[in-house]
N, C-alpha and C. Protein backbone atom coordinates (compact mmCIF):
# COMPACT_ATOMS: atom_id res chain seq x y z
N UNK A 1 -11.72 45.80 -25.59
CA UNK A 1 -11.66 44.36 -25.79
C UNK A 1 -11.16 43.72 -24.50
N UNK A 2 -11.78 42.64 -24.07
CA UNK A 2 -11.30 41.96 -22.88
C UNK A 2 -10.24 40.92 -23.25
N UNK A 3 -9.54 40.44 -22.26
CA UNK A 3 -8.40 39.53 -22.48
C UNK A 3 -8.84 38.26 -23.19
N UNK A 4 -9.94 37.64 -22.77
CA UNK A 4 -10.38 36.38 -23.40
C UNK A 4 -10.74 36.58 -24.87
N UNK A 5 -11.31 37.72 -25.21
CA UNK A 5 -11.62 38.02 -26.61
C UNK A 5 -10.33 38.10 -27.42
N UNK A 6 -9.32 38.76 -26.86
CA UNK A 6 -8.02 38.85 -27.54
C UNK A 6 -7.37 37.48 -27.67
N UNK A 7 -7.43 36.68 -26.61
CA UNK A 7 -6.83 35.35 -26.66
C UNK A 7 -7.51 34.46 -27.70
N UNK A 8 -8.83 34.56 -27.79
CA UNK A 8 -9.57 33.73 -28.74
C UNK A 8 -9.43 34.24 -30.18
N UNK A 9 -9.25 35.53 -30.34
CA UNK A 9 -9.20 36.11 -31.68
C UNK A 9 -7.83 36.15 -32.32
N UNK A 10 -6.77 36.27 -31.51
CA UNK A 10 -5.43 36.36 -32.03
C UNK A 10 -5.03 35.07 -32.73
N UNK A 11 -4.33 35.20 -33.82
CA UNK A 11 -3.81 34.03 -34.52
C UNK A 11 -2.48 34.41 -35.15
N UNK A 12 -1.71 33.41 -35.56
CA UNK A 12 -0.44 33.66 -36.23
C UNK A 12 -0.72 34.12 -37.66
N UNK A 13 -0.23 35.31 -37.98
CA UNK A 13 -0.46 35.89 -39.30
C UNK A 13 0.83 35.79 -40.10
N UNK A 14 0.71 35.27 -41.32
CA UNK A 14 1.89 35.06 -42.15
C UNK A 14 1.86 35.87 -43.44
N UNK A 15 0.81 36.65 -43.66
CA UNK A 15 0.67 37.49 -44.86
C UNK A 15 0.26 38.89 -44.43
N UNK A 16 1.04 39.88 -44.86
CA UNK A 16 0.82 41.25 -44.41
C UNK A 16 0.61 42.21 -45.57
N UNK A 17 -0.17 43.24 -45.31
CA UNK A 17 -0.32 44.35 -46.25
C UNK A 17 0.90 45.25 -46.12
N UNK A 18 1.25 46.01 -47.15
CA UNK A 18 2.41 46.91 -47.06
C UNK A 18 2.14 48.18 -46.26
N UNK A 19 0.94 48.32 -45.72
CA UNK A 19 0.56 49.51 -44.95
C UNK A 19 1.49 49.71 -43.75
N UNK A 20 2.11 50.88 -43.63
CA UNK A 20 2.98 51.12 -42.46
C UNK A 20 2.19 51.07 -41.16
N UNK A 21 2.87 50.67 -40.10
CA UNK A 21 2.28 50.65 -38.76
C UNK A 21 2.57 51.99 -38.09
N UNK A 22 1.53 52.59 -37.56
CA UNK A 22 1.65 53.89 -36.91
C UNK A 22 2.60 53.81 -35.70
N UNK A 23 3.48 54.82 -35.53
CA UNK A 23 4.43 54.80 -34.41
C UNK A 23 3.77 54.65 -33.04
N UNK A 24 2.59 55.25 -32.85
CA UNK A 24 1.92 55.13 -31.54
C UNK A 24 1.47 53.70 -31.26
N UNK A 25 1.14 52.95 -32.30
CA UNK A 25 0.77 51.54 -32.12
C UNK A 25 2.00 50.71 -31.77
N UNK A 26 3.11 50.98 -32.44
CA UNK A 26 4.36 50.29 -32.12
C UNK A 26 4.73 50.57 -30.66
N UNK A 27 4.60 51.81 -30.25
CA UNK A 27 4.93 52.21 -28.88
C UNK A 27 4.08 51.46 -27.86
N UNK A 28 2.79 51.30 -28.12
CA UNK A 28 1.92 50.56 -27.21
C UNK A 28 2.32 49.09 -27.13
N UNK A 29 2.69 48.51 -28.25
CA UNK A 29 3.14 47.11 -28.26
C UNK A 29 4.43 46.96 -27.45
N UNK A 30 5.36 47.89 -27.64
CA UNK A 30 6.61 47.86 -26.87
C UNK A 30 6.34 48.04 -25.38
N UNK A 31 5.41 48.92 -25.05
CA UNK A 31 5.06 49.15 -23.64
C UNK A 31 4.48 47.87 -23.02
N UNK A 32 3.69 47.13 -23.78
CA UNK A 32 3.15 45.86 -23.27
C UNK A 32 4.28 44.90 -22.94
N UNK A 33 5.30 44.84 -23.80
CA UNK A 33 6.46 43.99 -23.52
C UNK A 33 7.22 44.45 -22.30
N UNK A 34 7.34 45.75 -22.13
CA UNK A 34 8.03 46.30 -20.96
C UNK A 34 7.33 45.91 -19.67
N UNK A 35 6.01 45.83 -19.72
CA UNK A 35 5.22 45.52 -18.52
C UNK A 35 5.17 44.03 -18.17
N UNK A 36 5.69 43.18 -19.04
CA UNK A 36 5.65 41.73 -18.78
C UNK A 36 6.49 41.39 -17.55
N UNK A 37 6.09 40.34 -16.83
CA UNK A 37 6.84 39.95 -15.64
C UNK A 37 8.19 39.33 -16.00
N UNK A 38 9.08 39.32 -15.00
CA UNK A 38 10.36 38.64 -15.16
C UNK A 38 10.78 38.07 -13.82
N UNK A 39 11.52 36.98 -13.86
CA UNK A 39 11.99 36.34 -12.63
C UNK A 39 12.82 37.32 -11.82
N UNK A 40 12.50 37.45 -10.55
CA UNK A 40 13.20 38.35 -9.63
C UNK A 40 13.20 39.79 -10.14
N UNK A 41 12.25 40.12 -11.00
CA UNK A 41 12.14 41.45 -11.60
C UNK A 41 13.44 41.88 -12.28
N UNK A 42 14.15 40.93 -12.87
CA UNK A 42 15.46 41.22 -13.47
C UNK A 42 15.36 42.06 -14.74
N UNK A 43 14.26 41.93 -15.48
CA UNK A 43 14.02 42.71 -16.69
C UNK A 43 15.21 42.69 -17.65
N UNK A 44 15.81 41.53 -17.81
CA UNK A 44 16.98 41.37 -18.68
C UNK A 44 16.52 41.11 -20.11
N UNK A 45 16.14 42.19 -20.80
CA UNK A 45 15.62 42.06 -22.15
C UNK A 45 15.88 43.33 -22.94
N UNK A 46 15.89 43.15 -24.23
CA UNK A 46 16.08 44.27 -25.16
C UNK A 46 15.22 43.99 -26.37
N UNK A 47 14.52 45.01 -26.85
CA UNK A 47 13.66 44.88 -28.03
C UNK A 47 14.26 45.71 -29.16
N UNK A 48 14.41 45.11 -30.32
CA UNK A 48 14.89 45.82 -31.50
C UNK A 48 13.74 45.90 -32.49
N UNK A 49 13.40 47.11 -32.92
CA UNK A 49 12.32 47.33 -33.87
C UNK A 49 12.97 47.51 -35.24
N UNK A 50 12.68 46.59 -36.15
CA UNK A 50 13.26 46.64 -37.49
C UNK A 50 12.18 47.06 -38.48
N UNK A 51 12.39 48.22 -39.11
CA UNK A 51 11.46 48.72 -40.12
C UNK A 51 12.15 48.96 -41.47
N UNK A 52 13.47 49.02 -41.47
CA UNK A 52 14.24 49.28 -42.68
C UNK A 52 14.14 48.08 -43.63
N UNK A 53 13.61 48.29 -44.84
CA UNK A 53 13.45 47.18 -45.79
C UNK A 53 14.76 46.45 -46.11
N UNK A 54 15.87 47.17 -46.15
CA UNK A 54 17.16 46.53 -46.45
C UNK A 54 17.60 45.63 -45.30
N UNK A 55 17.37 46.07 -44.07
CA UNK A 55 17.74 45.25 -42.91
C UNK A 55 16.85 44.01 -42.85
N UNK A 56 15.56 44.17 -43.11
CA UNK A 56 14.66 43.01 -43.13
C UNK A 56 15.07 42.03 -44.22
N UNK A 57 15.48 42.55 -45.36
CA UNK A 57 15.93 41.69 -46.46
C UNK A 57 17.17 40.90 -46.05
N UNK A 58 18.12 41.56 -45.40
CA UNK A 58 19.33 40.87 -44.93
C UNK A 58 18.99 39.79 -43.91
N UNK A 59 18.08 40.10 -43.00
CA UNK A 59 17.68 39.09 -42.01
C UNK A 59 17.08 37.89 -42.72
N UNK A 60 16.20 38.15 -43.67
CA UNK A 60 15.57 37.04 -44.39
C UNK A 60 16.60 36.21 -45.16
N UNK A 61 17.50 36.87 -45.84
CA UNK A 61 18.50 36.16 -46.64
C UNK A 61 19.47 35.36 -45.78
N UNK A 62 19.91 35.92 -44.67
CA UNK A 62 20.94 35.29 -43.86
C UNK A 62 20.40 34.40 -42.75
N UNK A 63 19.21 34.71 -42.27
CA UNK A 63 18.74 34.06 -41.05
C UNK A 63 17.55 33.14 -41.22
N UNK A 64 16.83 33.28 -42.31
CA UNK A 64 15.65 32.45 -42.49
C UNK A 64 15.09 32.67 -43.88
N UNK A 65 14.17 31.84 -44.26
CA UNK A 65 13.63 31.92 -45.61
C UNK A 65 12.18 32.38 -45.62
N UNK A 66 11.67 32.82 -44.49
CA UNK A 66 10.26 33.14 -44.38
C UNK A 66 9.96 34.52 -44.96
N UNK A 67 9.09 34.55 -45.95
CA UNK A 67 8.76 35.79 -46.65
C UNK A 67 8.22 36.86 -45.72
N UNK A 68 7.55 36.45 -44.65
CA UNK A 68 6.93 37.44 -43.77
C UNK A 68 7.96 38.34 -43.09
N UNK A 69 9.21 37.91 -42.99
CA UNK A 69 10.24 38.76 -42.40
C UNK A 69 10.40 40.04 -43.23
N UNK A 70 10.36 39.89 -44.54
CA UNK A 70 10.48 41.04 -45.43
C UNK A 70 9.14 41.73 -45.66
N UNK A 71 8.09 40.95 -45.67
CA UNK A 71 6.76 41.47 -46.03
C UNK A 71 6.13 42.34 -44.95
N UNK A 72 6.30 41.95 -43.69
CA UNK A 72 5.71 42.71 -42.59
C UNK A 72 6.38 44.09 -42.49
N UNK A 73 5.62 45.14 -42.25
CA UNK A 73 6.22 46.47 -42.11
C UNK A 73 7.19 46.58 -40.92
N UNK A 74 6.95 45.76 -39.88
CA UNK A 74 7.77 45.80 -38.67
C UNK A 74 8.17 44.38 -38.29
N UNK A 75 9.40 44.22 -37.86
CA UNK A 75 9.83 42.96 -37.25
C UNK A 75 10.41 43.31 -35.88
N UNK A 76 9.81 42.73 -34.86
CA UNK A 76 10.30 42.92 -33.49
C UNK A 76 11.27 41.79 -33.19
N UNK A 77 12.47 42.13 -32.75
CA UNK A 77 13.47 41.14 -32.38
C UNK A 77 13.62 41.22 -30.87
N UNK A 78 13.27 40.13 -30.20
CA UNK A 78 13.28 40.11 -28.74
C UNK A 78 14.51 39.37 -28.25
N UNK A 79 15.30 40.05 -27.45
CA UNK A 79 16.56 39.51 -26.98
C UNK A 79 16.56 39.35 -25.46
N UNK A 80 17.21 38.29 -25.00
CA UNK A 80 17.45 38.07 -23.58
C UNK A 80 18.86 38.58 -23.29
N UNK A 81 18.97 39.41 -22.26
CA UNK A 81 20.25 40.01 -21.91
C UNK A 81 20.65 39.58 -20.50
N UNK A 82 21.07 38.33 -20.34
CA UNK A 82 21.40 37.82 -19.01
C UNK A 82 22.48 38.65 -18.32
N UNK A 83 22.32 38.79 -17.02
CA UNK A 83 23.31 39.49 -16.19
C UNK A 83 24.35 38.45 -15.77
N UNK A 84 25.63 38.66 -16.12
CA UNK A 84 26.65 37.66 -15.77
C UNK A 84 26.84 37.49 -14.26
N UNK A 85 26.40 38.46 -13.47
CA UNK A 85 26.54 38.37 -12.02
C UNK A 85 25.33 37.71 -11.36
N UNK A 86 24.40 37.26 -12.15
CA UNK A 86 23.16 36.69 -11.62
C UNK A 86 22.95 35.31 -12.26
N UNK A 87 22.57 34.31 -11.48
CA UNK A 87 22.34 32.99 -12.09
C UNK A 87 21.16 33.01 -13.06
N UNK A 88 21.32 32.34 -14.18
CA UNK A 88 20.25 32.27 -15.18
C UNK A 88 19.32 31.09 -14.92
N UNK A 89 19.81 30.10 -14.18
CA UNK A 89 19.02 28.90 -13.91
C UNK A 89 18.14 29.12 -12.68
N UNK A 90 16.85 28.83 -12.85
CA UNK A 90 15.92 28.92 -11.73
C UNK A 90 15.98 27.60 -10.94
N UNK A 91 15.54 27.60 -9.69
CA UNK A 91 15.55 26.37 -8.89
C UNK A 91 14.80 25.21 -9.55
N UNK A 92 13.83 25.51 -10.40
CA UNK A 92 13.06 24.45 -11.07
C UNK A 92 13.85 23.79 -12.20
N UNK A 93 15.02 24.34 -12.53
CA UNK A 93 15.86 23.75 -13.56
C UNK A 93 15.70 24.39 -14.93
N UNK A 94 14.88 25.42 -15.04
CA UNK A 94 14.67 26.11 -16.32
C UNK A 94 15.45 27.42 -16.35
N UNK A 95 15.85 27.82 -17.55
CA UNK A 95 16.52 29.10 -17.73
C UNK A 95 15.49 30.22 -17.64
N UNK A 96 15.78 31.26 -16.88
CA UNK A 96 14.77 32.30 -16.67
C UNK A 96 14.71 33.34 -17.78
N UNK A 97 15.82 33.73 -18.36
CA UNK A 97 15.80 34.83 -19.32
C UNK A 97 15.06 34.51 -20.62
N UNK A 98 15.20 33.32 -21.19
CA UNK A 98 14.39 33.03 -22.38
C UNK A 98 12.89 32.99 -22.06
N UNK A 99 12.54 32.48 -20.89
CA UNK A 99 11.13 32.43 -20.49
C UNK A 99 10.61 33.85 -20.27
N UNK A 100 11.38 34.68 -19.59
CA UNK A 100 10.98 36.07 -19.37
C UNK A 100 10.76 36.78 -20.70
N UNK A 101 11.67 36.56 -21.64
CA UNK A 101 11.56 37.22 -22.94
C UNK A 101 10.35 36.70 -23.71
N UNK A 102 10.07 35.41 -23.57
CA UNK A 102 8.88 34.84 -24.22
C UNK A 102 7.61 35.46 -23.66
N UNK A 103 7.58 35.73 -22.36
CA UNK A 103 6.42 36.41 -21.78
C UNK A 103 6.26 37.81 -22.38
N UNK A 104 7.36 38.49 -22.60
CA UNK A 104 7.29 39.81 -23.27
C UNK A 104 6.63 39.66 -24.63
N UNK A 105 7.05 38.64 -25.38
CA UNK A 105 6.49 38.42 -26.70
C UNK A 105 5.00 38.15 -26.66
N UNK A 106 4.55 37.36 -25.70
CA UNK A 106 3.13 37.06 -25.57
C UNK A 106 2.34 38.34 -25.28
N UNK A 107 2.83 39.13 -24.35
CA UNK A 107 2.16 40.40 -24.03
C UNK A 107 2.11 41.30 -25.27
N UNK A 108 3.21 41.36 -25.99
CA UNK A 108 3.30 42.22 -27.18
C UNK A 108 2.32 41.76 -28.26
N UNK A 109 2.22 40.46 -28.46
CA UNK A 109 1.33 39.93 -29.48
C UNK A 109 -0.14 40.22 -29.14
N UNK A 110 -0.48 40.15 -27.86
CA UNK A 110 -1.85 40.46 -27.47
C UNK A 110 -2.16 41.95 -27.65
N UNK A 111 -1.22 42.80 -27.30
CA UNK A 111 -1.43 44.24 -27.50
C UNK A 111 -1.50 44.56 -28.99
N UNK A 112 -0.68 43.90 -29.79
CA UNK A 112 -0.74 44.12 -31.25
C UNK A 112 -2.13 43.77 -31.76
N UNK A 113 -2.69 42.67 -31.30
CA UNK A 113 -4.04 42.29 -31.69
C UNK A 113 -5.05 43.37 -31.28
N UNK A 114 -4.90 43.88 -30.07
CA UNK A 114 -5.75 44.96 -29.59
C UNK A 114 -5.66 46.19 -30.50
N UNK A 115 -4.49 46.41 -31.08
CA UNK A 115 -4.26 47.55 -31.96
C UNK A 115 -4.68 47.27 -33.41
N UNK A 116 -5.24 46.08 -33.66
CA UNK A 116 -5.68 45.73 -35.02
C UNK A 116 -4.57 45.20 -35.91
N UNK A 117 -3.49 44.74 -35.28
CA UNK A 117 -2.33 44.25 -36.01
C UNK A 117 -2.20 42.74 -35.90
N UNK A 118 -1.59 42.14 -36.89
CA UNK A 118 -1.29 40.73 -36.86
C UNK A 118 0.17 40.51 -36.52
N UNK A 119 0.45 39.34 -35.94
CA UNK A 119 1.83 38.97 -35.57
C UNK A 119 2.01 37.48 -35.79
N UNK A 120 3.26 37.05 -35.75
CA UNK A 120 3.58 35.63 -35.79
C UNK A 120 4.87 35.40 -35.01
N UNK A 121 4.86 34.42 -34.15
CA UNK A 121 6.04 34.06 -33.36
C UNK A 121 6.98 33.26 -34.25
N UNK A 122 8.22 33.72 -34.40
CA UNK A 122 9.20 33.00 -35.21
C UNK A 122 10.30 32.41 -34.33
N UNK A 123 10.55 31.15 -34.53
CA UNK A 123 11.66 30.48 -33.87
C UNK A 123 12.57 29.80 -34.87
N UNK A 124 12.18 29.87 -36.14
CA UNK A 124 12.93 29.22 -37.21
C UNK A 124 13.83 30.27 -37.87
N UNK A 125 15.00 30.46 -37.28
CA UNK A 125 15.97 31.41 -37.82
C UNK A 125 17.35 31.04 -37.29
N UNK A 126 18.37 31.56 -37.95
CA UNK A 126 19.75 31.33 -37.52
C UNK A 126 20.16 32.49 -36.62
N UNK A 127 20.27 32.19 -35.34
CA UNK A 127 20.54 33.23 -34.35
C UNK A 127 21.83 33.99 -34.64
N UNK A 128 22.90 33.28 -34.97
CA UNK A 128 24.18 33.95 -35.23
C UNK A 128 24.07 34.94 -36.38
N UNK A 129 23.30 34.59 -37.40
CA UNK A 129 23.13 35.48 -38.55
C UNK A 129 22.32 36.71 -38.17
N UNK A 130 21.27 36.53 -37.37
CA UNK A 130 20.48 37.68 -36.90
C UNK A 130 21.38 38.60 -36.07
N UNK A 131 22.17 38.01 -35.20
CA UNK A 131 23.07 38.81 -34.36
C UNK A 131 24.07 39.59 -35.21
N UNK A 132 24.57 38.97 -36.25
CA UNK A 132 25.52 39.65 -37.14
C UNK A 132 24.86 40.83 -37.84
N UNK A 133 23.69 40.61 -38.42
CA UNK A 133 22.99 41.67 -39.15
C UNK A 133 22.66 42.84 -38.23
N UNK A 134 22.19 42.55 -37.03
CA UNK A 134 21.72 43.61 -36.13
C UNK A 134 22.79 44.07 -35.12
N UNK A 135 24.01 43.54 -35.26
CA UNK A 135 25.13 43.91 -34.39
C UNK A 135 24.83 43.67 -32.91
N UNK A 136 24.25 42.51 -32.65
CA UNK A 136 23.89 42.12 -31.29
C UNK A 136 25.11 41.47 -30.63
N UNK A 137 25.46 41.88 -29.40
CA UNK A 137 26.63 41.31 -28.72
C UNK A 137 26.52 39.79 -28.53
N UNK A 138 27.66 39.15 -28.43
CA UNK A 138 27.73 37.69 -28.30
C UNK A 138 27.00 37.17 -27.07
N UNK A 139 27.01 37.92 -25.97
CA UNK A 139 26.40 37.43 -24.73
C UNK A 139 24.89 37.65 -24.66
N UNK A 140 24.30 38.18 -25.72
CA UNK A 140 22.86 38.41 -25.80
C UNK A 140 22.24 37.34 -26.68
N UNK A 141 21.08 36.82 -26.28
CA UNK A 141 20.40 35.75 -27.04
C UNK A 141 19.16 36.29 -27.73
N UNK A 142 19.02 35.96 -29.01
CA UNK A 142 17.80 36.29 -29.73
C UNK A 142 16.81 35.17 -29.45
N UNK A 143 15.73 35.48 -28.77
CA UNK A 143 14.74 34.48 -28.38
C UNK A 143 13.71 34.27 -29.49
N UNK A 144 13.25 35.37 -30.08
CA UNK A 144 12.26 35.27 -31.14
C UNK A 144 12.31 36.51 -32.01
N UNK A 145 11.74 36.38 -33.19
CA UNK A 145 11.45 37.53 -34.03
C UNK A 145 9.94 37.49 -34.28
N UNK A 146 9.31 38.66 -34.22
CA UNK A 146 7.87 38.74 -34.38
C UNK A 146 7.55 39.74 -35.50
N UNK A 147 7.23 39.24 -36.71
CA UNK A 147 6.74 40.15 -37.74
C UNK A 147 5.42 40.74 -37.28
N UNK A 148 5.17 42.02 -37.64
CA UNK A 148 3.96 42.69 -37.18
C UNK A 148 3.48 43.66 -38.25
N UNK A 149 2.19 43.64 -38.48
CA UNK A 149 1.59 44.57 -39.43
C UNK A 149 0.12 44.27 -39.62
N UNK A 150 -0.46 44.92 -40.60
CA UNK A 150 -1.86 44.68 -40.91
C UNK A 150 -1.95 43.44 -41.79
N UNK A 151 -2.74 42.48 -41.37
CA UNK A 151 -2.83 41.24 -42.15
C UNK A 151 -3.77 41.43 -43.34
N UNK A 152 -3.55 40.59 -44.34
CA UNK A 152 -4.32 40.73 -45.57
C UNK A 152 -5.63 39.95 -45.57
N UNK A 153 -5.95 39.28 -44.46
CA UNK A 153 -7.22 38.58 -44.32
C UNK A 153 -7.26 37.19 -44.93
N UNK A 154 -6.14 36.69 -45.40
CA UNK A 154 -6.14 35.38 -46.05
C UNK A 154 -5.79 34.23 -45.11
N UNK A 155 -5.40 34.54 -43.90
CA UNK A 155 -4.95 33.51 -42.96
C UNK A 155 -6.12 32.66 -42.46
N UNK A 156 -6.00 31.36 -42.61
CA UNK A 156 -7.04 30.46 -42.07
C UNK A 156 -6.80 30.24 -40.59
N UNK A 157 -7.88 30.14 -39.85
CA UNK A 157 -7.79 29.91 -38.41
C UNK A 157 -7.47 28.44 -38.13
N UNK A 158 -6.50 28.22 -37.25
CA UNK A 158 -6.17 26.87 -36.82
C UNK A 158 -6.91 26.57 -35.52
N UNK A 159 -7.18 25.31 -35.29
CA UNK A 159 -7.93 24.93 -34.08
C UNK A 159 -6.98 24.66 -32.92
N UNK A 160 -7.51 24.69 -31.76
CA UNK A 160 -6.80 24.37 -30.52
C UNK A 160 -7.43 23.14 -29.90
N UNK A 161 -6.61 22.37 -29.21
CA UNK A 161 -7.11 21.19 -28.51
C UNK A 161 -8.11 21.61 -27.44
N UNK A 162 -9.09 20.76 -27.16
CA UNK A 162 -10.03 21.09 -26.08
C UNK A 162 -9.35 20.94 -24.71
N UNK A 163 -9.88 21.64 -23.71
CA UNK A 163 -9.32 21.55 -22.36
C UNK A 163 -9.22 20.11 -21.86
N UNK A 164 -10.19 19.29 -22.22
CA UNK A 164 -10.21 17.90 -21.74
C UNK A 164 -8.96 17.13 -22.14
N UNK A 165 -8.27 17.57 -23.19
CA UNK A 165 -7.05 16.89 -23.64
C UNK A 165 -5.78 17.43 -23.00
N UNK A 166 -5.87 18.60 -22.39
CA UNK A 166 -4.63 19.20 -21.89
C UNK A 166 -4.64 19.55 -20.40
N UNK A 167 -5.74 19.29 -19.72
CA UNK A 167 -5.83 19.64 -18.30
C UNK A 167 -6.08 18.40 -17.46
N UNK A 168 -5.37 18.31 -16.35
CA UNK A 168 -5.67 17.31 -15.33
C UNK A 168 -5.60 18.02 -13.97
N UNK A 169 -6.20 17.43 -12.96
CA UNK A 169 -6.24 18.06 -11.66
C UNK A 169 -5.56 17.18 -10.62
N UNK A 170 -4.75 17.83 -9.81
CA UNK A 170 -4.08 17.24 -8.65
C UNK A 170 -2.99 16.22 -8.98
N UNK A 171 -2.88 15.79 -10.23
CA UNK A 171 -1.79 14.91 -10.66
C UNK A 171 -1.79 14.86 -12.18
N UNK A 172 -0.69 14.44 -12.73
CA UNK A 172 -0.58 14.31 -14.18
C UNK A 172 -1.32 13.07 -14.65
N UNK A 173 -2.23 13.24 -15.55
CA UNK A 173 -2.96 12.08 -16.09
C UNK A 173 -2.87 12.07 -17.59
């Protein structure tokens, strides 16, 4: 599959089959995240693979109400692990570690699609509760959680804006 096919075919999946995800597929998805770029090659990230039904239930109860957290066979928790000896702010004024971690998530979601798996980017959760459940240190930030598994085929495709609405050349229009 080429990249454009994956980009056009991937969608946010919110309903999963209970079918377990093969360890080799999880490994390929994790490897895709490892290969994602990072500012100054800092690679300040940590991935937590949650497959235990009790842990997923605790995350859902304490951190969010989304059924897919419990329903998906796997939940990937992507964390930014800033180095205290290195500035987190880039010259452009943006924080680098959350952006770097988001790039990992994008790479992982595309590889999951390549592996025949569905994913969904989650930002609606209580970070402190996730950190408590997963024993994540205070100085580490949970950027996203990504449920992953085989989708049940019920998800409707959402549309994207045309390029003419989101692209301008040589200046902002």
